[in-house]
Amino acid sequence: HPKVTKVIYPGLASHPQKSLADKYHRDGLHGGMLWFDIVGGSAAGTKLMNSIQRPWSLCENLGATESIITACAVMTHANMLKEDRLKVGITDG
């Protein structure tokens, strides 16, 4: 999608730990969790989360089994300084 700037998923060749994922994930199956950044940062992410429909539900707990969506910069890692989040790869998108 043109508004997606980055996708992180262990099954993609571009993933920095692809070889590790291949080693430990059975039969090339890397699970259903992925991360993506969108144009517009936190504001655009919040707009997406507020408008997305089922089967997705807004959630901070990524241990759930249903389809969920979260924006780490404003939810799970909101207490971190932006510069610290960026150092560990948590962007505003």
C-alpha atoms as a PDB file:
ATOM      1  CA  HIS A   1       0.000   0.000   0.000  1.00  0.00           C
ATOM      2  CA  PRO A   2       1.407   3.465  -0.817  1.00  0.00           C
ATOM      3  CA  LYS A   3       0.912   4.708   2.757  1.00  0.00           C
ATOM      4  CA  VAL A   4       2.975   1.857   4.236  1.00  0.00           C
ATOM      5  CA  THR A   5       6.613   2.875   4.601  1.00  0.00           C
ATOM      6  CA  LYS A   6       8.038  -0.201   6.305  1.00  0.00           C
ATOM      7  CA  VAL A   7       6.995  -3.792   7.050  1.00  0.00           C
ATOM      8  CA  ILE A   8       8.728  -6.008   9.605  1.00  0.00           C
ATOM      9  CA  TYR A   9       7.902  -9.717   9.496  1.00  0.00           C
ATOM     10  CA  PRO A  10      10.330 -12.573  10.224  1.00  0.00           C
ATOM     11  CA  GLY A  11       9.400 -14.351   6.984  1.00  0.00           C
ATOM     12  CA  LEU A  12      10.561 -11.465   4.776  1.00  0.00           C
ATOM     13  CA  ALA A  13      14.030 -11.569   3.262  1.00  0.00           C
ATOM     14  CA  SER A  14      14.525  -7.981   4.493  1.00  0.00           C
ATOM     15  CA  HIS A  15      14.056  -8.968   8.155  1.00  0.00           C
ATOM     16  CA  PRO A  16      17.369  -8.531  10.042  1.00  0.00           C
ATOM     17  CA  GLN A  17      16.959 -11.907  11.796  1.00  0.00           C
ATOM     18  CA  LYS A  18      15.462 -13.883   8.890  1.00  0.00           C
ATOM     19  CA  SER A  19      18.027 -16.684   9.178  1.00  0.00           C
ATOM     20  CA  LEU A  20      17.314 -17.041  12.906  1.00  0.00           C
ATOM     21  CA  ALA A  21      13.556 -17.156  12.230  1.00  0.00           C
ATOM     22  CA  ASP A  22      14.093 -19.807   9.544  1.00  0.00           C
ATOM     23  CA  LYS A  23      16.142 -21.855  11.982  1.00  0.00           C
ATOM     24  CA  TYR A  24      13.571 -21.851  14.787  1.00  0.00           C
ATOM     25  CA  HIS A  25      10.200 -21.496  13.037  1.00  0.00           C
ATOM     26  CA  ARG A  26       8.891 -24.827  11.850  1.00  0.00           C
ATOM     27  CA  ASP A  27       8.229 -25.418   8.139  1.00  0.00           C
ATOM     28  CA  GLY A  28       8.831 -21.779   7.194  1.00  0.00           C
ATOM     29  CA  LEU A  29       5.789 -20.646   9.171  1.00  0.00           C
ATOM     30  CA  HIS A  30       6.604 -17.419  10.989  1.00  0.00           C
ATOM     31  CA  GLY A  31       3.327 -16.676  12.738  1.00  0.00           C
ATOM     32  CA  GLY A  32       0.686 -14.056  12.227  1.00  0.00           C
ATOM     33  CA  MET A  33       2.277 -11.025  13.849  1.00  0.00           C
ATOM     34  CA  LEU A  34       3.817  -8.240  11.807  1.00  0.00           C
ATOM     35  CA  TRP A  35       4.709  -4.619  12.284  1.00  0.00           C
ATOM     36  CA  PHE A  36       4.318  -1.800   9.806  1.00  0.00           C
ATOM     37  CA  ASP A  37       4.873   1.944   9.724  1.00  0.00           C
ATOM     38  CA  ILE A  38       2.597   4.306   7.842  1.00  0.00           C
ATOM     39  CA  VAL A  39       3.039   7.793   6.426  1.00  0.00           C
ATOM     40  CA  GLY A  40       1.970  10.405   8.966  1.00  0.00           C
ATOM     41  CA  GLY A  41       3.428   8.987  12.173  1.00  0.00           C
ATOM     42  CA  SER A  42       1.441   8.686  15.399  1.00  0.00           C
ATOM     43  CA  ALA A  43      -1.456  10.845  14.231  1.00  0.00           C
ATOM     44  CA  ALA A  44      -2.000   8.665  11.157  1.00  0.00           C
ATOM     45  CA  GLY A  45      -1.597   5.501  13.238  1.00  0.00           C
ATOM     46  CA  THR A  46      -4.198   6.682  15.717  1.00  0.00           C
ATOM     47  CA  LYS A  47      -6.565   7.570  12.868  1.00  0.00           C
ATOM     48  CA  LEU A  48      -6.084   4.083  11.385  1.00  0.00           C
ATOM     49  CA  MET A  49      -6.720   2.374  14.714  1.00  0.00           C
ATOM     50  CA  ASN A  50      -9.840   4.454  15.342  1.00  0.00           C
ATOM     51  CA  SER A  51     -11.288   3.629  11.923  1.00  0.00           C
ATOM     52  CA  ILE A  52     -10.350  -0.025  11.408  1.00  0.00           C
ATOM     53  CA  GLN A  53     -13.208  -2.526  11.517  1.00  0.00           C
ATOM     54  CA  ARG A  54     -13.608  -6.148  12.556  1.00  0.00           C
ATOM     55  CA  PRO A  55     -11.936  -8.563  12.817  1.00  0.00           C
ATOM     56  CA  TRP A  56      -9.454  -6.077  14.289  1.00  0.00           C
ATOM     57  CA  SER A  57      -9.785  -4.684  17.793  1.00  0.00           C
ATOM     58  CA  LEU A  58      -7.661  -2.091  19.570  1.00  0.00           C
ATOM     59  CA  CYS A  59      -5.365  -3.682  22.121  1.00  0.00           C
ATOM     60  CA  GLU A  60      -2.143  -3.096  24.027  1.00  0.00           C
ATOM     61  CA  ASN A  61      -1.683  -6.772  24.914  1.00  0.00           C
ATOM     62  CA  LEU A  62      -0.003  -8.576  22.045  1.00  0.00           C
ATOM     63  CA  GLY A  63      -0.473 -11.903  23.830  1.00  0.00           C
ATOM     64  CA  ALA A  64      -4.093 -12.144  22.729  1.00  0.00           C
ATOM     65  CA  THR A  65      -5.264 -14.642  20.121  1.00  0.00           C
ATOM     66  CA  GLU A  66      -7.758 -12.465  18.270  1.00  0.00           C
ATOM     67  CA  SER A  67      -6.853  -9.998  15.489  1.00  0.00           C
ATOM     68  CA  ILE A  68      -5.553  -6.863  17.180  1.00  0.00           C
ATOM     69  CA  ILE A  69      -3.855  -3.591  16.268  1.00  0.00           C
ATOM     70  CA  THR A  70      -1.699  -1.309  18.411  1.00  0.00           C
ATOM     71  CA  ALA A  71       0.498   1.788  18.060  1.00  0.00           C
ATOM     72  CA  CYS A  72       3.497   1.237  20.294  1.00  0.00           C
ATOM     73  CA  ALA A  73       4.594   4.884  20.351  1.00  0.00           C
ATOM     74  CA  VAL A  74       1.339   6.035  21.942  1.00  0.00           C
ATOM     75  CA  MET A  75       0.315   2.882  23.793  1.00  0.00           C
ATOM     76  CA  THR A  76       2.761   0.276  25.094  1.00  0.00           C
ATOM     77  CA  HIS A  77       5.816   2.570  24.947  1.00  0.00           C
ATOM     78  CA  ALA A  78       4.172   5.971  25.514  1.00  0.00           C
ATOM     79  CA  ASN A  79       6.237   6.499  28.669  1.00  0.00           C
ATOM     80  CA  MET A  80       9.525   6.427  26.730  1.00  0.00           C
ATOM     81  CA  LEU A  81      11.213   9.510  25.344  1.00  0.00           C
ATOM     82  CA  LYS A  82      10.971   9.630  21.554  1.00  0.00           C
ATOM     83  CA  GLU A  83      14.759   9.529  21.165  1.00  0.00           C
ATOM     84  CA  ASP A  84      14.958   6.382  23.335  1.00  0.00           C
ATOM     85  CA  ARG A  85      12.151   4.686  21.396  1.00  0.00           C
ATOM     86  CA  LEU A  86      13.846   5.443  18.079  1.00  0.00           C
ATOM     87  CA  LYS A  87      17.134   3.974  19.365  1.00  0.00           C
ATOM     88  CA  VAL A  88      15.409   0.620  19.897  1.00  0.00           C
ATOM     89  CA  GLY A  89      13.451   0.769  16.640  1.00  0.00           C
ATOM     90  CA  ILE A  90      10.047   1.934  17.904  1.00  0.00           C
ATOM     91  CA  THR A  91       8.980   4.610  15.447  1.00  0.00           C
ATOM     92  CA  ASP A  92       6.012   6.979  15.440  1.00  0.00           C
ATOM     93  CA  GLY A  93       4.536   5.307  12.329  1.00  0.00           C
END
